[in-house]
Amino acid sequence: MSVAVPNSKEITMTSRFYFSAFLVLALLIPVSAFTIPDLDNTTVETRAIADVSILICPACDGRRLELAPLFGGPSVDATIELYLLDGDGTPVANFPFEDMWLDSDDLCFCQGGSTADANTDVNGYAQFQKPFCGGGCSENPSLGGVVNGMAVGDYPIPHIKVNSPDMNCDFIVDLVDVTLFASAYWAGYDYCADFIWDGVLNLSDVGILAQHYGHQCQ
């Protein structure tokens, strides 16, 4: 029994057929599917118009950004907003949230701990409201937006202060952090230990530390 082997002409014709079919399919796919974000056209900003303090924790159970406290006062909306556009100024819709995150030289984030809440909508809009997962402290963190590994928008995003019961930024709240807190407590004052952000270190701050003790990245 013999098996037919295609000759070179038949192979060439088959290859051309598949290439033509691929080209036709590519032309039928909406141009938006190939939209490339233009980072120069991307903006990142916060709704906060005054300084707020965000408590973060490795276990992702810190403060939501739309409930960020003012100094010694009520909570305000400090949602961070990102608008992603292409080179023509057209919104980039459904861009993956995993590829949009916030970064800082002063803070430490668990893996995926500062990504956007969801993919961009039809207007190229994404927001950051959910609690960050991480630790560290800074009264003026170099917090900024990142898209596809590239910095976007203005650095730093203004008005955002950050502290955490994970004071030494090692992704777990443990005895090391208790020691650091005690040192700040008996020294009089340190923003990094002022988890309530009222200018006073007291039992309320101790309670926050106890509430998050043992928490770590998942």
N, C-alpha and C. Protein backbone atom coordinates (compact mmCIF):
# COMPACT_ATOMS: atom_id res chain seq x y z
N MET A 1 0.85 -1.20 0.00
CA MET A 1 0.00 0.00 0.00
C MET A 1 0.88 1.24 0.00
N SER A 2 0.63 2.14 -0.98
CA SER A 2 1.47 3.35 -1.09
C SER A 2 0.76 4.54 -0.48
N VAL A 3 1.55 5.49 0.04
CA VAL A 3 1.01 6.72 0.64
C VAL A 3 1.37 7.89 -0.26
N ALA A 4 0.38 8.68 -0.60
CA ALA A 4 0.62 9.82 -1.48
C ALA A 4 1.38 10.91 -0.71
N VAL A 5 2.44 11.38 -1.29
CA VAL A 5 3.24 12.44 -0.69
C VAL A 5 3.06 13.71 -1.50
N PRO A 6 2.59 14.80 -0.88
CA PRO A 6 2.38 16.03 -1.64
C PRO A 6 3.68 16.55 -2.21
N ASN A 7 3.60 17.04 -3.44
CA ASN A 7 4.80 17.61 -4.04
C ASN A 7 4.99 19.05 -3.60
N SER A 8 6.10 19.64 -4.00
CA SER A 8 6.44 21.00 -3.54
C SER A 8 5.42 22.02 -4.02
N LYS A 9 4.84 21.81 -5.20
CA LYS A 9 3.85 22.77 -5.71
C LYS A 9 2.60 22.76 -4.85
N GLU A 10 2.17 21.55 -4.46
CA GLU A 10 0.98 21.44 -3.60
C GLU A 10 1.23 22.07 -2.24
N ILE A 11 2.44 21.85 -1.69
CA ILE A 11 2.78 22.45 -0.39
C ILE A 11 2.74 23.97 -0.47
N THR A 12 3.30 24.51 -1.58
CA THR A 12 3.34 25.97 -1.75
C THR A 12 1.92 26.53 -1.85
N MET A 13 1.06 25.84 -2.61
CA MET A 13 -0.32 26.31 -2.75
C MET A 13 -1.06 26.25 -1.42
N THR A 14 -0.82 25.19 -0.63
CA THR A 14 -1.46 25.08 0.69
C THR A 14 -1.00 26.20 1.62
N SER A 15 0.30 26.49 1.60
CA SER A 15 0.85 27.55 2.45
C SER A 15 0.24 28.89 2.08
N ARG A 16 0.11 29.14 0.77
CA ARG A 16 -0.49 30.40 0.33
C ARG A 16 -1.94 30.51 0.77
N PHE A 17 -2.64 29.36 0.73
CA PHE A 17 -4.05 29.37 1.14
C PHE A 17 -4.18 29.76 2.60
N TYR A 18 -3.37 29.13 3.47
CA TYR A 18 -3.46 29.43 4.90
C TYR A 18 -3.03 30.86 5.19
N PHE A 19 -2.02 31.34 4.48
CA PHE A 19 -1.57 32.72 4.69
C PHE A 19 -2.67 33.70 4.29
N SER A 20 -3.32 33.41 3.14
CA SER A 20 -4.41 34.29 2.69
C SER A 20 -5.56 34.28 3.68
N ALA A 21 -5.88 33.08 4.19
CA ALA A 21 -6.97 32.98 5.17
C ALA A 21 -6.64 33.77 6.43
N PHE A 22 -5.39 33.68 6.90
CA PHE A 22 -4.96 34.43 8.08
C PHE A 22 -5.07 35.93 7.83
N LEU A 23 -4.67 36.37 6.62
CA LEU A 23 -4.71 37.79 6.30
C LEU A 23 -6.13 38.31 6.31
N VAL A 24 -7.05 37.51 5.74
CA VAL A 24 -8.45 37.91 5.73
C VAL A 24 -9.00 38.03 7.14
N LEU A 25 -8.68 37.05 7.99
CA LEU A 25 -9.15 37.09 9.39
C LEU A 25 -8.59 38.30 10.12
N ALA A 26 -7.31 38.61 9.87
CA ALA A 26 -6.69 39.75 10.53
C ALA A 26 -7.37 41.05 10.15
N LEU A 27 -7.81 41.14 8.86
CA LEU A 27 -8.49 42.36 8.41
C LEU A 27 -9.89 42.47 8.99
N LEU A 28 -10.48 41.33 9.35
CA LEU A 28 -11.82 41.34 9.92
C LEU A 28 -11.84 41.69 11.40
N ILE A 29 -10.70 41.50 12.10
CA ILE A 29 -10.63 41.79 13.53
C ILE A 29 -10.63 43.31 13.73
N PRO A 30 -11.45 43.84 14.64
CA PRO A 30 -11.48 45.29 14.87
C PRO A 30 -10.11 45.85 15.19
N VAL A 31 -9.87 47.05 14.69
CA VAL A 31 -8.58 47.69 14.92
C VAL A 31 -8.30 47.84 16.40
N SER A 32 -9.37 48.04 17.22
CA SER A 32 -9.19 48.25 18.66
C SER A 32 -8.50 47.08 19.32
N ALA A 33 -8.60 45.87 18.69
CA ALA A 33 -7.96 44.70 19.29
C ALA A 33 -6.45 44.82 19.29
N PHE A 34 -5.93 45.69 18.39
CA PHE A 34 -4.49 45.87 18.30
C PHE A 34 -4.05 47.21 18.89
N THR A 35 -4.95 47.88 19.62
CA THR A 35 -4.64 49.20 20.16
C THR A 35 -3.46 49.12 21.13
N ILE A 36 -2.52 50.03 20.93
CA ILE A 36 -1.34 50.08 21.78
C ILE A 36 -1.40 51.34 22.63
N PRO A 37 -1.32 51.22 23.96
CA PRO A 37 -1.38 52.40 24.81
C PRO A 37 -0.20 53.34 24.53
N ASP A 38 -0.49 54.62 24.54
CA ASP A 38 0.55 55.65 24.44
C ASP A 38 0.75 56.21 25.84
N LEU A 39 1.88 55.88 26.44
CA LEU A 39 2.09 56.26 27.83
C LEU A 39 2.19 57.77 28.01
N ASP A 40 2.54 58.50 26.95
CA ASP A 40 2.57 59.96 27.04
C ASP A 40 1.17 60.54 27.11
N ASN A 41 0.18 59.76 26.67
CA ASN A 41 -1.21 60.21 26.71
C ASN A 41 -1.96 59.65 27.91
N THR A 42 -1.23 59.00 28.81
CA THR A 42 -1.86 58.38 29.98
C THR A 42 -1.72 59.29 31.20
N THR A 43 -2.79 59.45 31.94
CA THR A 43 -2.77 60.28 33.15
C THR A 43 -3.10 59.43 34.37
N VAL A 44 -2.48 59.80 35.49
CA VAL A 44 -2.75 59.15 36.78
C VAL A 44 -2.87 60.25 37.82
N GLU A 45 -3.98 60.29 38.53
CA GLU A 45 -4.17 61.31 39.56
C GLU A 45 -5.12 60.82 40.63
N THR A 46 -5.13 61.55 41.72
CA THR A 46 -6.01 61.19 42.83
C THR A 46 -7.14 62.21 42.97
N ARG A 47 -8.26 61.75 43.51
CA ARG A 47 -9.38 62.66 43.79
C ARG A 47 -9.12 63.51 45.03
N ALA A 48 -8.15 63.10 45.85
CA ALA A 48 -7.88 63.83 47.09
C ALA A 48 -7.36 65.24 46.77
N ILE A 49 -7.87 66.23 47.49
CA ILE A 49 -7.41 67.61 47.30
C ILE A 49 -6.67 68.10 48.54
N ALA A 50 -6.49 67.22 49.51
CA ALA A 50 -5.71 67.52 50.72
C ALA A 50 -5.01 66.23 51.14
N ASP A 51 -4.02 66.34 52.03
CA ASP A 51 -3.25 65.18 52.45
C ASP A 51 -4.13 64.17 53.19
N VAL A 52 -3.92 62.92 52.84
CA VAL A 52 -4.62 61.82 53.51
C VAL A 52 -3.59 60.77 53.89
N SER A 53 -3.97 59.89 54.81
CA SER A 53 -3.07 58.83 55.26
C SER A 53 -3.72 57.47 54.96
N ILE A 54 -3.00 56.63 54.21
CA ILE A 54 -3.50 55.31 53.83
C ILE A 54 -2.77 54.25 54.65
N LEU A 55 -3.53 53.46 55.38
CA LEU A 55 -2.96 52.32 56.12
C LEU A 55 -2.96 51.11 55.20
N ILE A 56 -1.79 50.48 55.01
CA ILE A 56 -1.72 49.27 54.19
C ILE A 56 -1.22 48.11 55.05
N CYS A 57 -1.51 46.90 54.61
CA CYS A 57 -1.13 45.71 55.36
C CYS A 57 -0.83 44.57 54.38
N PRO A 58 0.13 43.70 54.69
CA PRO A 58 0.41 42.58 53.79
C PRO A 58 -0.81 41.70 53.50
N ALA A 59 -1.77 41.66 54.42
CA ALA A 59 -2.95 40.82 54.24
C ALA A 59 -4.07 41.53 53.48
N CYS A 60 -3.77 42.71 52.93
CA CYS A 60 -4.72 43.43 52.08
C CYS A 60 -5.96 43.92 52.84
N ASP A 61 -5.87 44.12 54.15
CA ASP A 61 -7.03 44.54 54.92
C ASP A 61 -6.81 45.91 55.56
N GLY A 62 -6.11 46.78 54.83
CA GLY A 62 -5.92 48.14 55.31
C GLY A 62 -7.08 49.03 54.89
N ARG A 63 -6.79 50.30 54.65
CA ARG A 63 -7.82 51.28 54.28
C ARG A 63 -8.10 51.25 52.78
N ARG A 64 -9.38 51.31 52.40
CA ARG A 64 -9.75 51.56 51.01
C ARG A 64 -9.49 53.03 50.69
N LEU A 65 -9.12 53.31 49.47
CA LEU A 65 -8.72 54.68 49.14
C LEU A 65 -9.88 55.66 49.13
N GLU A 66 -11.10 55.18 48.91
CA GLU A 66 -12.23 56.12 48.94
C GLU A 66 -12.66 56.42 50.37
N LEU A 67 -11.95 55.81 51.35
CA LEU A 67 -12.23 56.06 52.77
C LEU A 67 -10.96 56.50 53.48
N ALA A 68 -10.20 57.36 52.82
CA ALA A 68 -8.91 57.80 53.36
C ALA A 68 -9.10 58.94 54.37
N PRO A 69 -8.53 58.80 55.58
CA PRO A 69 -8.74 59.83 56.60
C PRO A 69 -7.86 61.06 56.40
N LEU A 70 -8.46 62.21 56.60
CA LEU A 70 -7.70 63.45 56.74
C LEU A 70 -7.06 63.46 58.13
N PHE A 71 -6.13 64.39 58.36
CA PHE A 71 -5.48 64.46 59.65
C PHE A 71 -6.49 64.76 60.75
N GLY A 72 -6.65 63.81 61.68
CA GLY A 72 -7.52 64.00 62.82
C GLY A 72 -8.98 64.22 62.48
N GLY A 73 -9.34 63.92 61.23
CA GLY A 73 -10.70 64.25 60.83
C GLY A 73 -11.40 63.14 60.10
N PRO A 74 -12.42 63.50 59.31
CA PRO A 74 -13.24 62.49 58.63
C PRO A 74 -12.51 61.88 57.43
N SER A 75 -13.12 60.86 56.88
CA SER A 75 -12.57 60.21 55.70
C SER A 75 -13.03 60.93 54.43
N VAL A 76 -12.17 60.93 53.41
CA VAL A 76 -12.50 61.53 52.13
C VAL A 76 -12.14 60.54 51.02
N ASP A 77 -12.56 60.85 49.82
CA ASP A 77 -12.30 60.00 48.67
C ASP A 77 -10.95 60.34 48.06
N ALA A 78 -10.01 59.40 48.16
CA ALA A 78 -8.67 59.59 47.57
C ALA A 78 -8.42 58.59 46.44
N THR A 79 -9.51 58.13 45.81
CA THR A 79 -9.38 57.19 44.70
C THR A 79 -8.34 57.68 43.70
N ILE A 80 -7.47 56.77 43.26
CA ILE A 80 -6.49 57.09 42.23
C ILE A 80 -7.06 56.64 40.90
N GLU A 81 -7.08 57.54 39.91
CA GLU A 81 -7.71 57.30 38.63
C GLU A 81 -6.67 57.29 37.51
N LEU A 82 -6.84 56.37 36.57
CA LEU A 82 -5.93 56.24 35.44
C LEU A 82 -6.74 56.26 34.15
N TYR A 83 -6.32 57.09 33.19
CA TYR A 83 -6.94 57.12 31.87
C TYR A 83 -5.89 56.69 30.85
N LEU A 84 -6.19 55.61 30.13
CA LEU A 84 -5.25 55.02 29.19
C LEU A 84 -5.71 55.28 27.76
N LEU A 85 -4.88 56.00 27.00
CA LEU A 85 -5.22 56.37 25.62
C LEU A 85 -4.14 55.87 24.66
N ASP A 86 -4.51 55.77 23.37
CA ASP A 86 -3.50 55.41 22.39
C ASP A 86 -2.90 56.68 21.79
N GLY A 87 -2.08 56.54 20.74
CA GLY A 87 -1.39 57.68 20.17
C GLY A 87 -2.30 58.70 19.54
N ASP A 88 -3.53 58.30 19.18
CA ASP A 88 -4.50 59.22 18.58
C ASP A 88 -5.44 59.81 19.62
N GLY A 89 -5.20 59.47 20.89
CA GLY A 89 -6.08 59.96 21.95
C GLY A 89 -7.34 59.14 22.11
N THR A 90 -7.38 57.96 21.49
CA THR A 90 -8.55 57.08 21.61
C THR A 90 -8.42 56.22 22.86
N PRO A 91 -9.48 56.10 23.66
CA PRO A 91 -9.40 55.27 24.87
C PRO A 91 -9.03 53.83 24.56
N VAL A 92 -8.18 53.25 25.40
CA VAL A 92 -7.80 51.85 25.28
C VAL A 92 -8.70 51.06 26.23
N ALA A 93 -9.68 50.36 25.68
CA ALA A 93 -10.66 49.64 26.48
C ALA A 93 -10.18 48.23 26.81
N ASN A 94 -10.65 47.73 27.96
CA ASN A 94 -10.40 46.34 28.39
C ASN A 94 -8.91 46.01 28.50
N PHE A 95 -8.12 47.01 28.87
CA PHE A 95 -6.69 46.74 29.10
C PHE A 95 -6.56 46.00 30.42
N PRO A 96 -5.74 44.93 30.49
CA PRO A 96 -5.71 44.07 31.68
C PRO A 96 -5.27 44.81 32.95
N PHE A 97 -6.04 44.61 34.02
CA PHE A 97 -5.71 45.27 35.28
C PHE A 97 -4.36 44.82 35.82
N GLU A 98 -3.95 43.57 35.48
CA GLU A 98 -2.66 43.07 35.98
C GLU A 98 -1.48 43.87 35.44
N ASP A 99 -1.70 44.57 34.32
CA ASP A 99 -0.61 45.33 33.68
C ASP A 99 -0.65 46.80 34.04
N MET A 100 -1.48 47.15 35.04
CA MET A 100 -1.54 48.53 35.55
C MET A 100 -1.40 48.46 37.07
N TRP A 101 -0.37 49.10 37.60
CA TRP A 101 -0.20 49.05 39.04
C TRP A 101 0.48 50.32 39.54
N LEU A 102 0.58 50.43 40.85
CA LEU A 102 1.28 51.55 41.48
C LEU A 102 2.58 51.03 42.07
N ASP A 103 3.60 51.87 42.04
CA ASP A 103 4.90 51.47 42.55
C ASP A 103 5.49 52.62 43.37
N SER A 104 6.43 52.28 44.22
CA SER A 104 7.06 53.27 45.08
C SER A 104 8.41 52.77 45.56
N ASP A 105 9.38 53.66 45.61
CA ASP A 105 10.70 53.31 46.15
C ASP A 105 10.67 53.20 47.67
N ASP A 106 9.64 53.77 48.30
CA ASP A 106 9.59 53.86 49.75
C ASP A 106 8.74 52.77 50.40
N LEU A 107 7.95 52.08 49.59
CA LEU A 107 7.03 51.08 50.12
C LEU A 107 7.35 49.72 49.53
N CYS A 108 6.74 48.68 50.10
CA CYS A 108 6.90 47.33 49.54
C CYS A 108 5.51 46.75 49.33
N PHE A 109 5.29 46.19 48.16
CA PHE A 109 4.00 45.61 47.84
C PHE A 109 4.13 44.11 47.62
N CYS A 110 3.17 43.37 48.14
CA CYS A 110 3.11 41.94 47.83
C CYS A 110 2.88 41.79 46.32
N GLN A 111 3.13 40.61 45.80
CA GLN A 111 2.93 40.38 44.37
C GLN A 111 1.47 40.67 44.01
N GLY A 112 1.28 41.58 43.06
CA GLY A 112 -0.06 41.96 42.66
C GLY A 112 -0.79 42.81 43.67
N GLY A 113 -0.07 43.34 44.65
CA GLY A 113 -0.70 44.05 45.77
C GLY A 113 -1.07 45.49 45.51
N SER A 114 -0.78 46.00 44.31
CA SER A 114 -1.13 47.40 44.03
C SER A 114 -1.68 47.55 42.61
N THR A 115 -2.28 46.47 42.07
CA THR A 115 -2.84 46.56 40.73
C THR A 115 -4.16 47.31 40.74
N ALA A 116 -4.58 47.73 39.53
CA ALA A 116 -5.86 48.40 39.39
C ALA A 116 -6.99 47.46 39.80
N ASP A 117 -8.14 48.03 40.10
CA ASP A 117 -9.27 47.23 40.58
C ASP A 117 -9.85 46.34 39.48
N ALA A 118 -9.78 46.79 38.22
CA ALA A 118 -10.37 46.04 37.12
C ALA A 118 -9.76 46.53 35.80
N ASN A 119 -10.07 45.83 34.71
CA ASN A 119 -9.62 46.27 33.39
C ASN A 119 -10.18 47.66 33.08
N THR A 120 -9.56 48.35 32.14
CA THR A 120 -10.09 49.66 31.73
C THR A 120 -11.48 49.50 31.11
N ASP A 121 -12.32 50.51 31.29
CA ASP A 121 -13.66 50.48 30.70
C ASP A 121 -13.60 51.05 29.28
N VAL A 122 -14.76 51.30 28.69
CA VAL A 122 -14.80 51.78 27.30
C VAL A 122 -14.16 53.15 27.15
N ASN A 123 -14.01 53.88 28.24
CA ASN A 123 -13.37 55.20 28.20
C ASN A 123 -11.89 55.14 28.52
N GLY A 124 -11.34 53.91 28.64
CA GLY A 124 -9.93 53.77 28.98
C GLY A 124 -9.65 54.09 30.44
N TYR A 125 -10.70 54.00 31.26
CA TYR A 125 -10.59 54.40 32.67
C TYR A 125 -10.41 53.19 33.58
N ALA A 126 -9.49 53.32 34.51
CA ALA A 126 -9.31 52.32 35.58
C ALA A 126 -9.08 53.07 36.88
N GLN A 127 -9.41 52.42 37.99
CA GLN A 127 -9.24 53.09 39.28
C GLN A 127 -8.58 52.16 40.29
N PHE A 128 -8.05 52.81 41.33
CA PHE A 128 -7.44 52.11 42.46
C PHE A 128 -8.19 52.54 43.71
N GLN A 129 -9.01 51.63 44.24
CA GLN A 129 -9.74 51.91 45.48
C GLN A 129 -9.49 50.83 46.53
N LYS A 130 -9.29 49.62 46.11
CA LYS A 130 -9.16 48.52 47.07
C LYS A 130 -7.88 48.70 47.90
N PRO A 131 -7.85 48.15 49.11
CA PRO A 131 -6.66 48.29 49.96
C PRO A 131 -5.43 47.69 49.30
N PHE A 132 -4.30 48.37 49.46
CA PHE A 132 -3.04 47.83 48.97
C PHE A 132 -2.57 46.69 49.87
N CYS A 133 -1.83 45.77 49.29
CA CYS A 133 -1.25 44.66 50.04
C CYS A 133 0.25 44.91 50.15
N GLY A 134 0.72 45.25 51.34
CA GLY A 134 2.14 45.52 51.49
C GLY A 134 2.47 46.16 52.81
N GLY A 135 3.61 46.84 52.85
CA GLY A 135 4.05 47.46 54.08
C GLY A 135 4.96 48.64 53.79
N GLY A 136 5.55 49.17 54.86
CA GLY A 136 6.43 50.32 54.73
C GLY A 136 5.77 51.60 55.20
N CYS A 137 6.49 52.68 55.06
CA CYS A 137 6.00 53.97 55.55
C CYS A 137 6.67 55.11 54.81
N SER A 138 5.90 56.13 54.49
CA SER A 138 6.47 57.36 53.94
C SER A 138 5.43 58.46 54.01
N GLU A 139 5.86 59.64 54.46
CA GLU A 139 4.96 60.78 54.46
C GLU A 139 4.89 61.43 53.08
N ASN A 140 5.83 61.09 52.21
CA ASN A 140 5.81 61.61 50.85
C ASN A 140 6.34 60.53 49.91
N PRO A 141 5.60 59.42 49.79
CA PRO A 141 6.13 58.29 49.01
C PRO A 141 6.25 58.62 47.53
N SER A 142 7.22 58.02 46.89
CA SER A 142 7.40 58.20 45.44
C SER A 142 6.41 57.30 44.71
N LEU A 143 5.13 57.48 45.05
CA LEU A 143 4.08 56.62 44.53
C LEU A 143 3.65 57.11 43.16
N GLY A 144 3.67 56.21 42.18
CA GLY A 144 3.27 56.59 40.84
C GLY A 144 2.70 55.43 40.07
N GLY A 145 2.12 55.73 38.91
CA GLY A 145 1.49 54.72 38.10
C GLY A 145 2.48 54.02 37.18
N VAL A 146 2.18 52.75 36.92
CA VAL A 146 3.02 51.94 36.02
C VAL A 146 2.08 51.18 35.08
N VAL A 147 2.39 51.24 33.79
CA VAL A 147 1.65 50.49 32.78
C VAL A 147 2.65 49.70 31.94
N ASN A 148 2.45 48.40 31.87
CA ASN A 148 3.38 47.54 31.11
C ASN A 148 4.83 47.73 31.54
N GLY A 149 5.03 47.98 32.84
CA GLY A 149 6.39 48.12 33.35
C GLY A 149 7.00 49.48 33.16
N MET A 150 6.26 50.44 32.58
CA MET A 150 6.79 51.78 32.32
C MET A 150 6.04 52.81 33.17
N ALA A 151 6.78 53.75 33.74
CA ALA A 151 6.18 54.78 34.57
C ALA A 151 5.30 55.70 33.72
N VAL A 152 4.16 56.08 34.27
CA VAL A 152 3.25 56.98 33.57
C VAL A 152 2.78 58.08 34.52
N GLY A 153 2.34 59.19 33.95
CA GLY A 153 1.81 60.27 34.77
C GLY A 153 2.88 60.99 35.57
N ASP A 154 2.44 61.84 36.47
CA ASP A 154 3.35 62.63 37.30
C ASP A 154 3.77 61.85 38.54
N TYR A 155 5.05 62.00 38.92
CA TYR A 155 5.58 61.38 40.14
C TYR A 155 6.01 62.48 41.08
N PRO A 156 5.74 62.35 42.39
CA PRO A 156 4.80 61.36 42.94
C PRO A 156 3.36 61.83 42.82
N ILE A 157 2.41 60.91 43.00
CA ILE A 157 1.01 61.31 43.09
C ILE A 157 0.86 62.11 44.38
N PRO A 158 0.33 63.32 44.34
CA PRO A 158 0.30 64.18 45.53
C PRO A 158 -0.74 63.73 46.56
N HIS A 159 -0.54 64.23 47.79
CA HIS A 159 -1.50 64.12 48.89
C HIS A 159 -1.60 62.73 49.53
N ILE A 160 -0.81 61.77 49.08
CA ILE A 160 -0.94 60.42 49.61
C ILE A 160 0.20 60.11 50.57
N LYS A 161 -0.13 59.90 51.85
CA LYS A 161 0.82 59.42 52.84
C LYS A 161 0.47 57.96 53.13
N VAL A 162 1.47 57.16 53.47
CA VAL A 162 1.23 55.74 53.70
C VAL A 162 1.99 55.26 54.92
N ASN A 163 1.32 54.52 55.79
CA ASN A 163 2.03 53.78 56.85
C ASN A 163 1.41 52.40 57.00
N SER A 164 2.05 51.57 57.81
CA SER A 164 1.64 50.17 57.88
C SER A 164 2.11 49.54 59.18
N PRO A 165 1.35 48.61 59.73
CA PRO A 165 1.84 47.84 60.88
C PRO A 165 3.03 46.96 60.49
N ASP A 166 3.23 46.71 59.21
CA ASP A 166 4.46 46.06 58.74
C ASP A 166 5.51 47.16 58.56
N MET A 167 6.03 47.62 59.69
CA MET A 167 6.86 48.81 59.69
C MET A 167 8.22 48.61 59.03
N ASN A 168 8.75 47.40 59.08
CA ASN A 168 10.07 47.18 58.49
C ASN A 168 10.00 46.63 57.08
N CYS A 169 8.80 46.54 56.53
CA CYS A 169 8.62 46.24 55.11
C CYS A 169 9.14 44.86 54.73
N ASP A 170 8.88 43.85 55.57
CA ASP A 170 9.34 42.50 55.24
C ASP A 170 8.17 41.55 54.98
N PHE A 171 6.98 42.14 54.74
CA PHE A 171 5.79 41.40 54.32
C PHE A 171 5.18 40.53 55.42
N ILE A 172 5.47 40.84 56.68
CA ILE A 172 4.81 40.16 57.80
C ILE A 172 4.81 41.09 59.01
N VAL A 173 3.72 41.10 59.74
CA VAL A 173 3.63 41.90 60.97
C VAL A 173 3.99 40.98 62.13
N ASP A 174 5.16 41.23 62.72
CA ASP A 174 5.66 40.33 63.75
C ASP A 174 6.33 41.10 64.88
N LEU A 175 7.11 40.40 65.70
CA LEU A 175 7.74 41.03 66.86
C LEU A 175 8.71 42.15 66.48
N VAL A 176 9.30 42.05 65.31
CA VAL A 176 10.18 43.14 64.85
C VAL A 176 9.39 44.44 64.75
N ASP A 177 8.20 44.36 64.21
CA ASP A 177 7.35 45.54 64.08
C ASP A 177 6.87 46.03 65.44
N VAL A 178 6.60 45.10 66.35
CA VAL A 178 6.21 45.50 67.72
C VAL A 178 7.34 46.28 68.37
N THR A 179 8.56 45.84 68.17
CA THR A 179 9.73 46.53 68.74
C THR A 179 9.87 47.93 68.14
N LEU A 180 9.69 48.03 66.82
CA LEU A 180 9.78 49.33 66.16
C LEU A 180 8.67 50.26 66.65
N PHE A 181 7.48 49.72 66.82
CA PHE A 181 6.37 50.52 67.30
C PHE A 181 6.64 51.00 68.72
N ALA A 182 7.13 50.11 69.57
CA ALA A 182 7.41 50.48 70.96
C ALA A 182 8.45 51.60 71.03
N SER A 183 9.46 51.51 70.17
CA SER A 183 10.50 52.54 70.14
C SER A 183 9.91 53.89 69.77
N ALA A 184 9.03 53.90 68.76
CA ALA A 184 8.39 55.14 68.35
C ALA A 184 7.44 55.65 69.43
N TYR A 185 6.74 54.72 70.06
CA TYR A 185 5.77 55.08 71.10
C TYR A 185 6.44 55.80 72.27
N TRP A 186 7.55 55.25 72.74
CA TRP A 186 8.20 55.83 73.90
C TRP A 186 9.07 57.03 73.53
N ALA A 187 9.38 57.18 72.25
CA ALA A 187 10.15 58.35 71.82
C ALA A 187 9.26 59.59 71.74
N GLY A 188 7.95 59.39 71.70
CA GLY A 188 7.05 60.53 71.68
C GLY A 188 6.14 60.55 70.47
N TYR A 189 6.75 60.50 69.29
CA TYR A 189 5.91 60.51 68.09
C TYR A 189 6.71 60.09 66.87
N ASP A 190 6.04 59.38 65.98
CA ASP A 190 6.59 59.01 64.68
C ASP A 190 5.39 58.71 63.79
N TYR A 191 5.30 59.40 62.66
CA TYR A 191 4.16 59.18 61.76
C TYR A 191 4.00 57.71 61.41
N CYS A 192 5.10 57.00 61.26
CA CYS A 192 5.04 55.60 60.85
C CYS A 192 4.28 54.72 61.83
N ALA A 193 4.14 55.17 63.07
CA ALA A 193 3.40 54.42 64.07
C ALA A 193 2.03 55.03 64.37
N ASP A 194 1.72 56.15 63.70
CA ASP A 194 0.45 56.84 63.93
C ASP A 194 -0.60 56.30 62.97
N PHE A 195 -1.08 55.10 63.25
CA PHE A 195 -1.97 54.41 62.33
C PHE A 195 -3.34 55.07 62.23
N ILE A 196 -3.72 55.83 63.26
CA ILE A 196 -4.99 56.56 63.23
C ILE A 196 -4.79 57.95 62.61
N TRP A 197 -3.57 58.42 62.54
CA TRP A 197 -3.14 59.73 62.01
C TRP A 197 -3.89 60.89 62.66
N ASP A 198 -3.60 61.03 63.96
CA ASP A 198 -4.15 62.15 64.70
C ASP A 198 -3.06 62.92 65.44
N GLY A 199 -1.79 62.60 65.16
CA GLY A 199 -0.68 63.32 65.79
C GLY A 199 -0.32 62.83 67.16
N VAL A 200 -0.97 61.74 67.60
CA VAL A 200 -0.73 61.21 68.94
C VAL A 200 -0.59 59.69 68.85
N LEU A 201 0.39 59.14 69.55
CA LEU A 201 0.51 57.69 69.64
C LEU A 201 -0.14 57.25 70.95
N ASN A 202 -1.18 56.43 70.83
CA ASN A 202 -1.91 56.01 72.03
C ASN A 202 -2.46 54.60 71.84
N LEU A 203 -3.39 54.22 72.72
CA LEU A 203 -3.90 52.86 72.68
C LEU A 203 -4.66 52.54 71.39
N SER A 204 -5.18 53.56 70.71
CA SER A 204 -5.85 53.32 69.44
C SER A 204 -4.88 52.75 68.41
N ASP A 205 -3.66 53.29 68.41
CA ASP A 205 -2.64 52.80 67.49
C ASP A 205 -2.16 51.40 67.90
N VAL A 206 -2.06 51.19 69.20
CA VAL A 206 -1.71 49.85 69.70
C VAL A 206 -2.75 48.84 69.23
N GLY A 207 -4.02 49.24 69.27
CA GLY A 207 -5.10 48.35 68.85
C GLY A 207 -4.98 47.97 67.37
N ILE A 208 -4.60 48.94 66.53
CA ILE A 208 -4.42 48.65 65.10
C ILE A 208 -3.28 47.65 64.90
N LEU A 209 -2.18 47.85 65.63
CA LEU A 209 -1.05 46.93 65.52
C LEU A 209 -1.47 45.52 65.94
N ALA A 210 -2.22 45.44 67.04
CA ALA A 210 -2.66 44.12 67.52
C ALA A 210 -3.62 43.47 66.54
N GLN A 211 -4.47 44.26 65.92
CA GLN A 211 -5.44 43.74 64.96
C GLN A 211 -4.76 43.09 63.76
N HIS A 212 -3.62 43.64 63.36
CA HIS A 212 -2.94 43.14 62.16
C HIS A 212 -1.76 42.21 62.48
N TYR A 213 -1.52 41.97 63.75
CA TYR A 213 -0.37 41.14 64.12
C TYR A 213 -0.48 39.75 63.48
N GLY A 214 0.62 39.30 62.90
CA GLY A 214 0.67 37.99 62.26
C GLY A 214 0.26 38.01 60.79
N HIS A 215 -0.23 39.13 60.30
CA HIS A 215 -0.66 39.20 58.91
C HIS A 215 0.54 39.18 57.98
N GLN A 216 0.39 38.54 56.84
CA GLN A 216 1.47 38.46 55.86
C GLN A 216 0.89 38.31 54.46
N CYS A 217 1.75 38.43 53.47
CA CYS A 217 1.31 38.27 52.08
C CYS A 217 0.79 36.85 51.87
N GLN A 218 -0.23 36.74 51.07
CA GLN A 218 -0.82 35.43 50.76
C GLN A 218 -0.21 34.85 49.48
